[in-house]
C-alpha atoms as a PDB file:
ATOM      1  CA  UNK A   1     -21.621  17.840  -0.684  1.00  0.00           C
ATOM      2  CA  UNK A   2     -20.870  17.220  -4.319  1.00  0.00           C
ATOM      3  CA  UNK A   3     -17.726  15.377  -4.222  1.00  0.00           C
ATOM      4  CA  UNK A   4     -15.211  14.766  -7.150  1.00  0.00           C
ATOM      5  CA  UNK A   5     -13.113  11.397  -5.637  1.00  0.00           C
ATOM      6  CA  UNK A   6      -9.513  10.663  -6.369  1.00  0.00           C
ATOM      7  CA  UNK A   7      -7.877   7.117  -6.412  1.00  0.00           C
ATOM      8  CA  UNK A   8      -6.602   4.213  -8.752  1.00  0.00           C
ATOM      9  CA  UNK A   9      -6.003   0.936  -6.807  1.00  0.00           C
ATOM     10  CA  UNK A  10      -8.525  -1.476  -5.328  1.00  0.00           C
ATOM     11  CA  UNK A  11      -7.510   0.143  -1.926  1.00  0.00           C
ATOM     12  CA  UNK A  12      -9.341   2.856  -2.588  1.00  0.00           C
ATOM     13  CA  UNK A  13     -12.763   1.019  -3.586  1.00  0.00           C
ATOM     14  CA  UNK A  14     -14.170   0.594  -0.361  1.00  0.00           C
ATOM     15  CA  UNK A  15     -13.803   4.535   0.047  1.00  0.00           C
ATOM     16  CA  UNK A  16     -15.401   5.049  -3.058  1.00  0.00           C
ATOM     17  CA  UNK A  17     -17.991   2.538  -2.362  1.00  0.00           C
ATOM     18  CA  UNK A  18     -18.878   4.001   0.776  1.00  0.00           C
ATOM     19  CA  UNK A  19     -19.143   7.446  -0.638  1.00  0.00           C
ATOM     20  CA  UNK A  20     -21.490   6.498  -3.551  1.00  0.00           C
ATOM     21  CA  UNK A  21     -23.630   4.780  -1.184  1.00  0.00           C
ATOM     22  CA  UNK A  22     -23.920   8.110   1.123  1.00  0.00           C
ATOM     23  CA  UNK A  23     -27.167   9.435   1.278  1.00  0.00           C
ATOM     24  CA  UNK A  24     -25.519  12.728   2.003  1.00  0.00           C
ATOM     25  CA  UNK A  25     -22.881  12.921  -0.552  1.00  0.00           C
ATOM     26  CA  UNK A  26     -23.060  12.600  -4.188  1.00  0.00           C
ATOM     27  CA  UNK A  27     -19.972  11.606  -6.185  1.00  0.00           C
ATOM     28  CA  UNK A  28     -20.409  13.674  -9.619  1.00  0.00           C
ATOM     29  CA  UNK A  29     -16.862  12.488 -10.892  1.00  0.00           C
ATOM     30  CA  UNK A  30     -13.787   9.913 -10.506  1.00  0.00           C
ATOM     31  CA  UNK A  31      -9.981  11.446 -11.044  1.00  0.00           C
ATOM     32  CA  UNK A  32      -7.607   8.498 -11.536  1.00  0.00           C
ATOM     33  CA  UNK A  33      -4.554   7.622 -13.563  1.00  0.00           C
ATOM     34  CA  UNK A  34      -4.442   6.857 -16.921  1.00  0.00           C
ATOM     35  CA  UNK A  35      -5.024   3.205 -18.139  1.00  0.00           C
ATOM     36  CA  UNK A  36      -2.074   0.986 -17.781  1.00  0.00           C
ATOM     37  CA  UNK A  37      -0.365  -2.040 -18.890  1.00  0.00           C
ATOM     38  CA  UNK A  38      -0.770  -4.917 -16.292  1.00  0.00           C
ATOM     39  CA  UNK A  39      -0.952  -8.800 -16.139  1.00  0.00           C
ATOM     40  CA  UNK A  40       0.967 -11.329 -18.384  1.00  0.00           C
ATOM     41  CA  UNK A  41      -0.049 -10.374 -21.512  1.00  0.00           C
ATOM     42  CA  UNK A  42       0.627  -6.511 -20.741  1.00  0.00           C
ATOM     43  CA  UNK A  43      -2.580  -5.445 -21.999  1.00  0.00           C
ATOM     44  CA  UNK A  44      -4.164  -2.117 -21.201  1.00  0.00           C
ATOM     45  CA  UNK A  45      -6.479  -1.973 -18.433  1.00  0.00           C
ATOM     46  CA  UNK A  46      -8.397   0.701 -16.631  1.00  0.00           C
ATOM     47  CA  UNK A  47      -7.489   1.141 -13.116  1.00  0.00           C
ATOM     48  CA  UNK A  48     -10.050  -0.640 -10.510  1.00  0.00           C
ATOM     49  CA  UNK A  49     -11.469   2.546  -9.617  1.00  0.00           C
ATOM     50  CA  UNK A  50     -12.272   3.641 -13.188  1.00  0.00           C
ATOM     51  CA  UNK A  51     -13.893   0.222 -13.161  1.00  0.00           C
ATOM     52  CA  UNK A  52     -16.317   0.878 -10.603  1.00  0.00           C
ATOM     53  CA  UNK A  53     -17.077   4.430 -11.174  1.00  0.00           C
ATOM     54  CA  UNK A  54     -18.015   3.223 -14.951  1.00  0.00           C
ATOM     55  CA  UNK A  55     -20.172   0.703 -13.179  1.00  0.00           C
ATOM     56  CA  UNK A  56     -21.769   3.445 -11.158  1.00  0.00           C
ATOM     57  CA  UNK A  57     -22.316   5.666 -14.280  1.00  0.00           C
ATOM     58  CA  UNK A  58     -20.072   8.138 -12.688  1.00  0.00           C
ATOM     59  CA  UNK A  59     -17.661  10.119 -14.949  1.00  0.00           C
ATOM     60  CA  UNK A  60     -14.129   9.772 -15.163  1.00  0.00           C
ATOM     61  CA  UNK A  61     -11.401  11.689 -15.699  1.00  0.00           C
ATOM     62  CA  UNK A  62      -7.782  10.321 -16.443  1.00  0.00           C
ATOM     63  CA  UNK A  63      -5.275  13.591 -16.775  1.00  0.00           C
ATOM     64  CA  UNK A  64      -1.839  12.960 -17.403  1.00  0.00           C
ATOM     65  CA  UNK A  65      -1.025  15.407 -15.085  1.00  0.00           C
ATOM     66  CA  UNK A  66      -3.698  17.321 -12.462  1.00  0.00           C
ATOM     67  CA  UNK A  67      -2.216  20.462 -13.473  1.00  0.00           C
ATOM     68  CA  UNK A  68      -2.958  20.535 -17.160  1.00  0.00           C
ATOM     69  CA  UNK A  69      -5.228  23.250 -17.839  1.00  0.00           C
ATOM     70  CA  UNK A  70      -7.920  20.996 -19.827  1.00  0.00           C
ATOM     71  CA  UNK A  71      -8.324  19.193 -16.790  1.00  0.00           C
ATOM     72  CA  UNK A  72      -8.431  22.055 -14.638  1.00  0.00           C
ATOM     73  CA  UNK A  73     -11.025  23.448 -16.537  1.00  0.00           C
ATOM     74  CA  UNK A  74     -13.311  20.139 -16.175  1.00  0.00           C
ATOM     75  CA  UNK A  75     -12.863  20.380 -12.607  1.00  0.00           C
ATOM     76  CA  UNK A  76     -13.832  23.672 -12.140  1.00  0.00           C
ATOM     77  CA  UNK A  77     -17.065  23.145 -13.906  1.00  0.00           C
ATOM     78  CA  UNK A  78     -17.922  20.265 -11.905  1.00  0.00           C
ATOM     79  CA  UNK A  79     -17.962  22.848  -9.292  1.00  0.00           C
ATOM     80  CA  UNK A  80     -17.177  20.367  -6.169  1.00  0.00           C
ATOM     81  CA  UNK A  81     -17.562  21.236  -2.734  1.00  0.00           C
ATOM     82  CA  UNK A  82     -14.831  18.620  -1.694  1.00  0.00           C
ATOM     83  CA  UNK A  83     -12.117  16.167  -3.243  1.00  0.00           C
ATOM     84  CA  UNK A  84     -11.719  13.166  -1.219  1.00  0.00           C
ATOM     85  CA  UNK A  85      -8.168  11.190  -2.048  1.00  0.00           C
ATOM     86  CA  UNK A  86      -7.325   7.626  -1.045  1.00  0.00           C
ATOM     87  CA  UNK A  87      -4.117   6.468  -3.404  1.00  0.00           C
ATOM     88  CA  UNK A  88      -4.347   8.302  -6.022  1.00  0.00           C
ATOM     89  CA  UNK A  89      -0.818   8.306  -7.213  1.00  0.00           C
ATOM     90  CA  UNK A  90       0.119  11.682  -8.289  1.00  0.00           C
ATOM     91  CA  UNK A  91       1.075  14.927  -7.498  1.00  0.00           C
ATOM     92  CA  UNK A  92      -1.771  18.019  -6.758  1.00  0.00           C
ATOM     93  CA  UNK A  93      -0.346  21.286  -7.858  1.00  0.00           C
ATOM     94  CA  UNK A  94      -1.688  24.383  -6.007  1.00  0.00           C
ATOM     95  CA  UNK A  95      -3.698  25.154  -9.075  1.00  0.00           C
ATOM     96  CA  UNK A  96      -5.817  21.947  -8.367  1.00  0.00           C
ATOM     97  CA  UNK A  97      -6.065  22.333  -4.645  1.00  0.00           C
ATOM     98  CA  UNK A  98      -7.553  25.892  -4.927  1.00  0.00           C
ATOM     99  CA  UNK A  99     -10.532  24.672  -6.724  1.00  0.00           C
ATOM    100  CA  UNK A 100     -12.767  22.591  -4.191  1.00  0.00           C
ATOM    101  CA  UNK A 101     -13.874  24.976  -1.304  1.00  0.00           C
ATOM    102  CA  UNK A 102     -13.561  22.397   1.354  1.00  0.00           C
ATOM    103  CA  UNK A 103      -9.886  21.670  -0.201  1.00  0.00           C
ATOM    104  CA  UNK A 104      -8.545  17.955  -0.908  1.00  0.00           C
ATOM    105  CA  UNK A 105      -9.011  15.421   1.937  1.00  0.00           C
ATOM    106  CA  UNK A 106      -6.917  12.603   1.891  1.00  0.00           C
ATOM    107  CA  UNK A 107      -7.282   9.133   3.373  1.00  0.00           C
ATOM    108  CA  UNK A 108      -3.675   8.135   4.445  1.00  0.00           C
ATOM    109  CA  UNK A 109      -2.644   4.852   5.912  1.00  0.00           C
ATOM    110  CA  UNK A 110      -0.529   5.820   8.992  1.00  0.00           C
ATOM    111  CA  UNK A 111      -0.911   7.828  12.163  1.00  0.00           C
ATOM    112  CA  UNK A 112       0.647  10.968  10.874  1.00  0.00           C
ATOM    113  CA  UNK A 113       3.006  12.560  11.237  1.00  0.00           C
ATOM    114  CA  UNK A 114       4.146   9.050  11.408  1.00  0.00           C
ATOM    115  CA  UNK A 115       5.205   7.592   7.847  1.00  0.00           C
ATOM    116  CA  UNK A 116       4.440  10.143   5.496  1.00  0.00           C
ATOM    117  CA  UNK A 117       5.103   8.962   1.957  1.00  0.00           C
ATOM    118  CA  UNK A 118       4.114   6.498  -0.819  1.00  0.00           C
ATOM    119  CA  UNK A 119       4.404   3.273   1.608  1.00  0.00           C
ATOM    120  CA  UNK A 120       3.613   3.621   5.178  1.00  0.00           C
ATOM    121  CA  UNK A 121       1.967   0.010   5.626  1.00  0.00           C
ATOM    122  CA  UNK A 122       4.991  -1.262   4.437  1.00  0.00           C
ATOM    123  CA  UNK A 123       7.695   0.824   6.399  1.00  0.00           C
ATOM    124  CA  UNK A 124       5.120   0.222   9.679  1.00  0.00           C
ATOM    125  CA  UNK A 125       5.763  -3.769   9.224  1.00  0.00           C
ATOM    126  CA  UNK A 126       9.308  -3.168   8.253  1.00  0.00           C
ATOM    127  CA  UNK A 127      10.340  -1.379  11.320  1.00  0.00           C
ATOM    128  CA  UNK A 128       8.166  -3.739  13.753  1.00  0.00           C
ATOM    129  CA  UNK A 129       5.453  -1.031  14.576  1.00  0.00           C
ATOM    130  CA  UNK A 130       2.736  -2.823  16.843  1.00  0.00           C
ATOM    131  CA  UNK A 131      -0.273  -0.154  15.930  1.00  0.00           C
ATOM    132  CA  UNK A 132      -0.785   1.032  12.384  1.00  0.00           C
ATOM    133  CA  UNK A 133      -3.245   3.268  11.366  1.00  0.00           C
ATOM    134  CA  UNK A 134      -5.264   5.871   8.859  1.00  0.00           C
ATOM    135  CA  UNK A 135      -5.574   9.494   9.035  1.00  0.00           C
ATOM    136  CA  UNK A 136      -7.512  12.018   7.465  1.00  0.00           C
ATOM    137  CA  UNK A 137      -5.729  15.413   6.783  1.00  0.00           C
ATOM    138  CA  UNK A 138      -6.438  18.198   4.198  1.00  0.00           C
ATOM    139  CA  UNK A 139      -3.841  18.031   1.705  1.00  0.00           C
ATOM    140  CA  UNK A 140      -1.260  21.092   1.302  1.00  0.00           C
ATOM    141  CA  UNK A 141       1.728  21.823  -0.723  1.00  0.00           C
ATOM    142  CA  UNK A 142       4.318  19.674   1.324  1.00  0.00           C
ATOM    143  CA  UNK A 143       4.173  15.778   1.227  1.00  0.00           C
ATOM    144  CA  UNK A 144       1.590  14.561   3.890  1.00  0.00           C
ATOM    145  CA  UNK A 145       1.953  17.462   6.359  1.00  0.00           C
ATOM    146  CA  UNK A 146      -1.391  19.120   6.174  1.00  0.00           C
ATOM    147  CA  UNK A 147      -3.762  19.435   9.259  1.00  0.00           C
ATOM    148  CA  UNK A 148      -5.231  16.451  10.458  1.00  0.00           C
ATOM    149  CA  UNK A 149      -9.316  15.614  10.815  1.00  0.00           C
ATOM    150  CA  UNK A 150      -9.239  12.145  12.497  1.00  0.00           C
ATOM    151  CA  UNK A 151      -7.733   8.867  12.930  1.00  0.00           C
ATOM    152  CA  UNK A 152      -8.329   5.215  13.273  1.00  0.00           C
ATOM    153  CA  UNK A 153      -5.841   2.702  14.753  1.00  0.00           C
ATOM    154  CA  UNK A 154      -5.204  -1.122  14.162  1.00  0.00           C
ATOM    155  CA  UNK A 155      -2.949  -3.631  15.596  1.00  0.00           C
ATOM    156  CA  UNK A 156      -0.536  -4.800  13.523  1.00  0.00           C
ATOM    157  CA  UNK A 157      -0.457  -8.753  13.855  1.00  0.00           C
ATOM    158  CA  UNK A 158       3.028 -10.450  13.803  1.00  0.00           C
ATOM    159  CA  UNK A 159       1.692 -12.450  10.717  1.00  0.00           C
ATOM    160  CA  UNK A 160       0.326  -9.444   8.856  1.00  0.00           C
ATOM    161  CA  UNK A 161       1.645  -8.591   5.236  1.00  0.00           C
ATOM    162  CA  UNK A 162       1.319  -5.288   3.973  1.00  0.00           C
ATOM    163  CA  UNK A 163      -1.577  -6.774   1.943  1.00  0.00           C
ATOM    164  CA  UNK A 164      -3.441  -7.941   4.785  1.00  0.00           C
ATOM    165  CA  UNK A 165      -3.103  -4.942   6.892  1.00  0.00           C
ATOM    166  CA  UNK A 166      -4.060  -2.606   3.797  1.00  0.00           C
ATOM    167  CA  UNK A 167      -6.987  -4.603   3.135  1.00  0.00           C
ATOM    168  CA  UNK A 168      -8.078  -3.965   7.053  1.00  0.00           C
ATOM    169  CA  UNK A 169      -7.104  -0.294   6.837  1.00  0.00           C
ATOM    170  CA  UNK A 170      -8.824   0.117   3.653  1.00  0.00           C
ATOM    171  CA  UNK A 171     -12.159  -0.656   5.541  1.00  0.00           C
ATOM    172  CA  UNK A 172     -11.551   1.409   8.478  1.00  0.00           C
ATOM    173  CA  UNK A 173     -10.429   3.850   6.713  1.00  0.00           C
ATOM    174  CA  UNK A 174     -13.570   4.240   4.566  1.00  0.00           C
ATOM    175  CA  UNK A 175     -15.721   4.575   7.438  1.00  0.00           C
ATOM    176  CA  UNK A 176     -13.013   7.556   8.655  1.00  0.00           C
ATOM    177  CA  UNK A 177     -13.035   9.092   5.619  1.00  0.00           C
ATOM    178  CA  UNK A 178     -17.079   9.305   5.790  1.00  0.00           C
ATOM    179  CA  UNK A 179     -17.191  10.730   8.982  1.00  0.00           C
ATOM    180  CA  UNK A 180     -14.684  13.262   8.322  1.00  0.00           C
ATOM    181  CA  UNK A 181     -16.489  14.527   5.274  1.00  0.00           C
ATOM    182  CA  UNK A 182     -19.891  14.761   7.069  1.00  0.00           C
ATOM    183  CA  UNK A 183     -17.898  16.725   9.971  1.00  0.00           C
ATOM    184  CA  UNK A 184     -16.801  18.999   7.497  1.00  0.00           C
ATOM    185  CA  UNK A 185     -20.200  19.674   6.005  1.00  0.00           C
ATOM    186  CA  UNK A 186     -21.705  20.254   9.063  1.00  0.00           C
ATOM    187  CA  UNK A 187     -18.766  22.397  10.100  1.00  0.00           C
ATOM    188  CA  UNK A 188     -18.326  20.284  13.544  1.00  0.00           C
ATOM    189  CA  UNK A 189     -15.200  18.962  12.628  1.00  0.00           C
ATOM    190  CA  UNK A 190     -11.915  20.993  12.976  1.00  0.00           C
ATOM    191  CA  UNK A 191      -8.449  19.977  11.707  1.00  0.00           C
ATOM    192  CA  UNK A 192      -5.403  20.170  13.645  1.00  0.00           C
ATOM    193  CA  UNK A 193      -1.969  20.852  12.778  1.00  0.00           C
ATOM    194  CA  UNK A 194       0.263  17.688  13.110  1.00  0.00           C
ATOM    195  CA  UNK A 195       3.100  17.604  15.728  1.00  0.00           C
ATOM    196  CA  UNK A 196       6.619  18.429  14.698  1.00  0.00           C
ATOM    197  CA  UNK A 197       7.662  15.499  16.620  1.00  0.00           C
ATOM    198  CA  UNK A 198       7.387  11.893  15.498  1.00  0.00           C
ATOM    199  CA  UNK A 199       7.884  12.795  11.610  1.00  0.00           C
ATOM    200  CA  UNK A 200       9.283   9.897   9.864  1.00  0.00           C
ATOM    201  CA  UNK A 201       9.097   9.278   5.897  1.00  0.00           C
ATOM    202  CA  UNK A 202       8.113   6.074   4.152  1.00  0.00           C
ATOM    203  CA  UNK A 203       9.572   6.287   0.601  1.00  0.00           C
ATOM    204  CA  UNK A 204       8.230   3.555  -2.141  1.00  0.00           C
ATOM    205  CA  UNK A 205      10.290   0.497  -1.926  1.00  0.00           C
ATOM    206  CA  UNK A 206      11.490  -0.548  -4.706  1.00  0.00           C
ATOM    207  CA  UNK A 207      12.480  -4.197  -6.250  1.00  0.00           C
ATOM    208  CA  UNK A 208      15.978  -3.645  -5.259  1.00  0.00           C
ATOM    209  CA  UNK A 209      14.924  -2.698  -1.753  1.00  0.00           C
ATOM    210  CA  UNK A 210      13.055  -6.239  -1.301  1.00  0.00           C
ATOM    211  CA  UNK A 211      16.358  -7.877  -2.097  1.00  0.00           C
ATOM    212  CA  UNK A 212      16.410 -10.293   1.204  1.00  0.00           C
ATOM    213  CA  UNK A 213      19.572 -10.043   2.884  1.00  0.00           C
ATOM    214  CA  UNK A 214      20.145 -13.490   4.780  1.00  0.00           C
ATOM    215  CA  UNK A 215      22.988 -11.972   6.756  1.00  0.00           C
ATOM    216  CA  UNK A 216      20.321  -9.851   8.764  1.00  0.00           C
ATOM    217  CA  UNK A 217      18.654 -11.395  11.959  1.00  0.00           C
ATOM    218  CA  UNK A 218      15.856 -13.438  11.559  1.00  0.00           C
ATOM    219  CA  UNK A 219      13.249 -11.098  12.604  1.00  0.00           C
ATOM    220  CA  UNK A 220      14.561  -8.318  10.076  1.00  0.00           C
ATOM    221  CA  UNK A 221      14.215 -11.084   7.105  1.00  0.00           C
ATOM    222  CA  UNK A 222      10.669 -11.827   8.452  1.00  0.00           C
ATOM    223  CA  UNK A 223       9.724  -8.559   8.617  1.00  0.00           C
ATOM    224  CA  UNK A 224      10.808  -7.211   5.087  1.00  0.00           C
ATOM    225  CA  UNK A 225       9.293 -10.361   3.274  1.00  0.00           C
ATOM    226  CA  UNK A 226       5.835  -9.726   5.132  1.00  0.00           C
ATOM    227  CA  UNK A 227       6.382  -5.939   4.294  1.00  0.00           C
ATOM    228  CA  UNK A 228       6.947  -6.829   0.672  1.00  0.00           C
ATOM    229  CA  UNK A 229       3.919  -9.017   0.348  1.00  0.00           C
ATOM    230  CA  UNK A 230       2.383  -8.645  -2.001  1.00  0.00           C
ATOM    231  CA  UNK A 231       4.453  -5.996  -3.752  1.00  0.00           C
ATOM    232  CA  UNK A 232       6.946  -5.474  -4.828  1.00  0.00           C
ATOM    233  CA  UNK A 233       7.626  -9.219  -3.388  1.00  0.00           C
ATOM    234  CA  UNK A 234      10.329  -9.941  -1.343  1.00  0.00           C
ATOM    235  CA  UNK A 235      13.333 -12.236  -3.558  1.00  0.00           C
ATOM    236  CA  UNK A 236      16.476 -13.850  -3.619  1.00  0.00           C
ATOM    237  CA  UNK A 237      18.789 -15.469  -6.094  1.00  0.00           C
ATOM    238  CA  UNK A 238      19.474 -19.375  -6.374  1.00  0.00           C
ATOM    239  CA  UNK A 239      21.620 -20.673  -8.912  1.00  0.00           C
ATOM    240  CA  UNK A 240      21.646 -17.522 -10.946  1.00  0.00           C
ATOM    241  CA  UNK A 241      17.717 -17.233 -11.078  1.00  0.00           C
ATOM    242  CA  UNK A 242      15.562 -15.080  -9.153  1.00  0.00           C
ATOM    243  CA  UNK A 243      13.216 -16.717  -6.680  1.00  0.00           C
ATOM    244  CA  UNK A 244      10.301 -14.573  -4.739  1.00  0.00           C
ATOM    245  CA  UNK A 245       9.941 -15.529  -1.376  1.00  0.00           C
ATOM    246  CA  UNK A 246       6.408 -15.400   0.672  1.00  0.00           C
ATOM    247  CA  UNK A 247       5.970 -14.968   4.322  1.00  0.00           C
ATOM    248  CA  UNK A 248       8.300 -17.511   6.330  1.00  0.00           C
ATOM    249  CA  UNK A 249       8.344 -18.685  10.025  1.00  0.00           C
ATOM    250  CA  UNK A 250      11.084 -17.953  12.777  1.00  0.00           C
ATOM    251  CA  UNK A 251      12.404 -21.201  13.985  1.00  0.00           C
ATOM    252  CA  UNK A 252      14.133 -20.626  17.227  1.00  0.00           C
ATOM    253  CA  UNK A 253      17.303 -23.064  18.221  1.00  0.00           C
ATOM    254  CA  UNK A 254      18.131 -23.837  14.284  1.00  0.00           C
ATOM    255  CA  UNK A 255      21.289 -22.858  13.282  1.00  0.00           C
ATOM    256  CA  UNK A 256      22.382 -22.688   9.536  1.00  0.00           C
ATOM    257  CA  UNK A 257      24.887 -20.455   7.772  1.00  0.00           C
ATOM    258  CA  UNK A 258      23.352 -16.926   6.359  1.00  0.00           C
ATOM    259  CA  UNK A 259      21.418 -18.274   3.314  1.00  0.00           C
ATOM    260  CA  UNK A 260      22.147 -21.763   3.597  1.00  0.00           C
ATOM    261  CA  UNK A 261      19.153 -24.151   2.439  1.00  0.00           C
ATOM    262  CA  UNK A 262      18.132 -27.167   4.297  1.00  0.00           C
ATOM    263  CA  UNK A 263      15.374 -28.923   2.295  1.00  0.00           C
ATOM    264  CA  UNK A 264      13.985 -31.803   4.329  1.00  0.00           C
ATOM    265  CA  UNK A 265      10.737 -34.164   3.252  1.00  0.00           C
ATOM    266  CA  UNK A 266       8.195 -31.517   5.284  1.00  0.00           C
ATOM    267  CA  UNK A 267      10.093 -28.286   5.533  1.00  0.00           C
ATOM    268  CA  UNK A 268      12.672 -26.011   3.900  1.00  0.00           C
ATOM    269  CA  UNK A 269      15.018 -23.835   5.812  1.00  0.00           C
ATOM    270  CA  UNK A 270      17.108 -21.162   5.310  1.00  0.00           C
ATOM    271  CA  UNK A 271      19.532 -19.755   7.761  1.00  0.00           C
ATOM    272  CA  UNK A 272      20.096 -15.889   8.771  1.00  0.00           C
ATOM    273  CA  UNK A 273      22.319 -14.106  10.814  1.00  0.00           C
ATOM    274  CA  UNK A 274      20.670 -15.287  14.146  1.00  0.00           C
ATOM    275  CA  UNK A 275      18.931 -18.777  13.132  1.00  0.00           C
ATOM    276  CA  UNK A 276      16.677 -20.263  10.843  1.00  0.00           C
ATOM    277  CA  UNK A 277      13.369 -19.722   9.102  1.00  0.00           C
ATOM    278  CA  UNK A 278      11.284 -21.964   7.491  1.00  0.00           C
ATOM    279  CA  UNK A 279       9.798 -20.806   3.875  1.00  0.00           C
ATOM    280  CA  UNK A 280       6.323 -20.990   3.142  1.00  0.00           C
ATOM    281  CA  UNK A 281       5.605 -20.326  -0.665  1.00  0.00           C
ATOM    282  CA  UNK A 282       8.152 -19.554  -3.298  1.00  0.00           C
ATOM    283  CA  UNK A 283       7.841 -18.471  -6.938  1.00  0.00           C
ATOM    284  CA  UNK A 284      10.650 -19.297  -9.192  1.00  0.00           C
ATOM    285  CA  UNK A 285      11.521 -16.736 -12.047  1.00  0.00           C
ATOM    286  CA  UNK A 286       9.061 -17.482 -14.889  1.00  0.00           C
ATOM    287  CA  UNK A 287       7.060 -20.043 -12.921  1.00  0.00           C
ATOM    288  CA  UNK A 288       3.649 -20.110 -10.592  1.00  0.00           C
ATOM    289  CA  UNK A 289       3.760 -19.824  -6.849  1.00  0.00           C
ATOM    290  CA  UNK A 290       4.420 -23.104  -5.063  1.00  0.00           C
ATOM    291  CA  UNK A 291       5.037 -24.575  -1.664  1.00  0.00           C
ATOM    292  CA  UNK A 292       9.071 -24.599  -0.622  1.00  0.00           C
ATOM    293  CA  UNK A 293       9.055 -28.271  -0.466  1.00  0.00           C
ATOM    294  CA  UNK A 294       7.632 -28.804  -3.851  1.00  0.00           C
ATOM    295  CA  UNK A 295      10.408 -26.249  -5.444  1.00  0.00           C
ATOM    296  CA  UNK A 296      12.993 -28.160  -3.118  1.00  0.00           C
ATOM    297  CA  UNK A 297      11.974 -31.383  -4.344  1.00  0.00           C
ATOM    298  CA  UNK A 298      12.342 -29.897  -8.242  1.00  0.00           C
ATOM    299  CA  UNK A 299      15.730 -28.114  -7.697  1.00  0.00           C
ATOM    300  CA  UNK A 300      17.433 -30.748  -5.172  1.00  0.00           C
ATOM    301  CA  UNK A 301      19.286 -28.169  -3.477  1.00  0.00           C
ATOM    302  CA  UNK A 302      22.934 -29.636  -2.356  1.00  0.00           C
ATOM    303  CA  UNK A 303      24.498 -29.722   1.294  1.00  0.00           C
ATOM    304  CA  UNK A 304      25.861 -26.281   1.509  1.00  0.00           C
ATOM    305  CA  UNK A 305      24.011 -24.389  -1.190  1.00  0.00           C
ATOM    306  CA  UNK A 306      22.898 -21.117  -0.297  1.00  0.00           C
ATOM    307  CA  UNK A 307      20.574 -18.388  -1.380  1.00  0.00           C
ATOM    308  CA  UNK A 308      22.345 -15.016  -2.436  1.00  0.00           C
END
């Protein structure tokens, strides 16, 4: 099939590589978000998908909106049979959905209908799900509500961050997406409507959402931090300065007041509503990532000082 692939971040790269290498399909163009500022210098950079496509000699389209008439004319001229989508990051109007004869097929990182929305992996970790996964479905106007072609599942480990789980799912999902496109081309795969039961929504987790509430149970603090690693990054305040906090270890039996810091030579503990957690790495505002004990040696928390 002639494919026009839509995607933007690194998460989409395993799928794009798989389809480029597929003997059954031809990626004739890539759609991605416009170049954006990133990094400490705030320089403008192309998306990871754009970089890979250009390296492979594939045309790259960067519409401001997928409903722009000029873009729709370009898309129609490419005559795609199908448009596979992985983390494109923009809404698709019906005028765009109507162009390919097999529609737009999305790889979504949840077991639909669970966790429809922008941050399915983060919410799966935050809510303590034991099993995660990825689904391929045909995009319709309603958010992540289209009929499903296939699913893969993945155990969510107690040490998983959203970054580590998404990395595994992006690889497993690439195989699922390729197999889905094969089945659609053969006419051997039929999409099934999603169940009306078990629908949950996974909105984007903002920086404000990522602030740690040390008054919550240790298990909640652990899940929030892992869900927000690497993005947007869980954080708290110490002496009026923001400190990003990496994954922690729950320490049974240790009791400190919520947010209270107990710094020793080999560990830094912080209290929660149910016990303490041991900090791993932290990143003070404007500084590099470092071990929590190194940070504590520098700031010397006094007895009773707390994260807020």
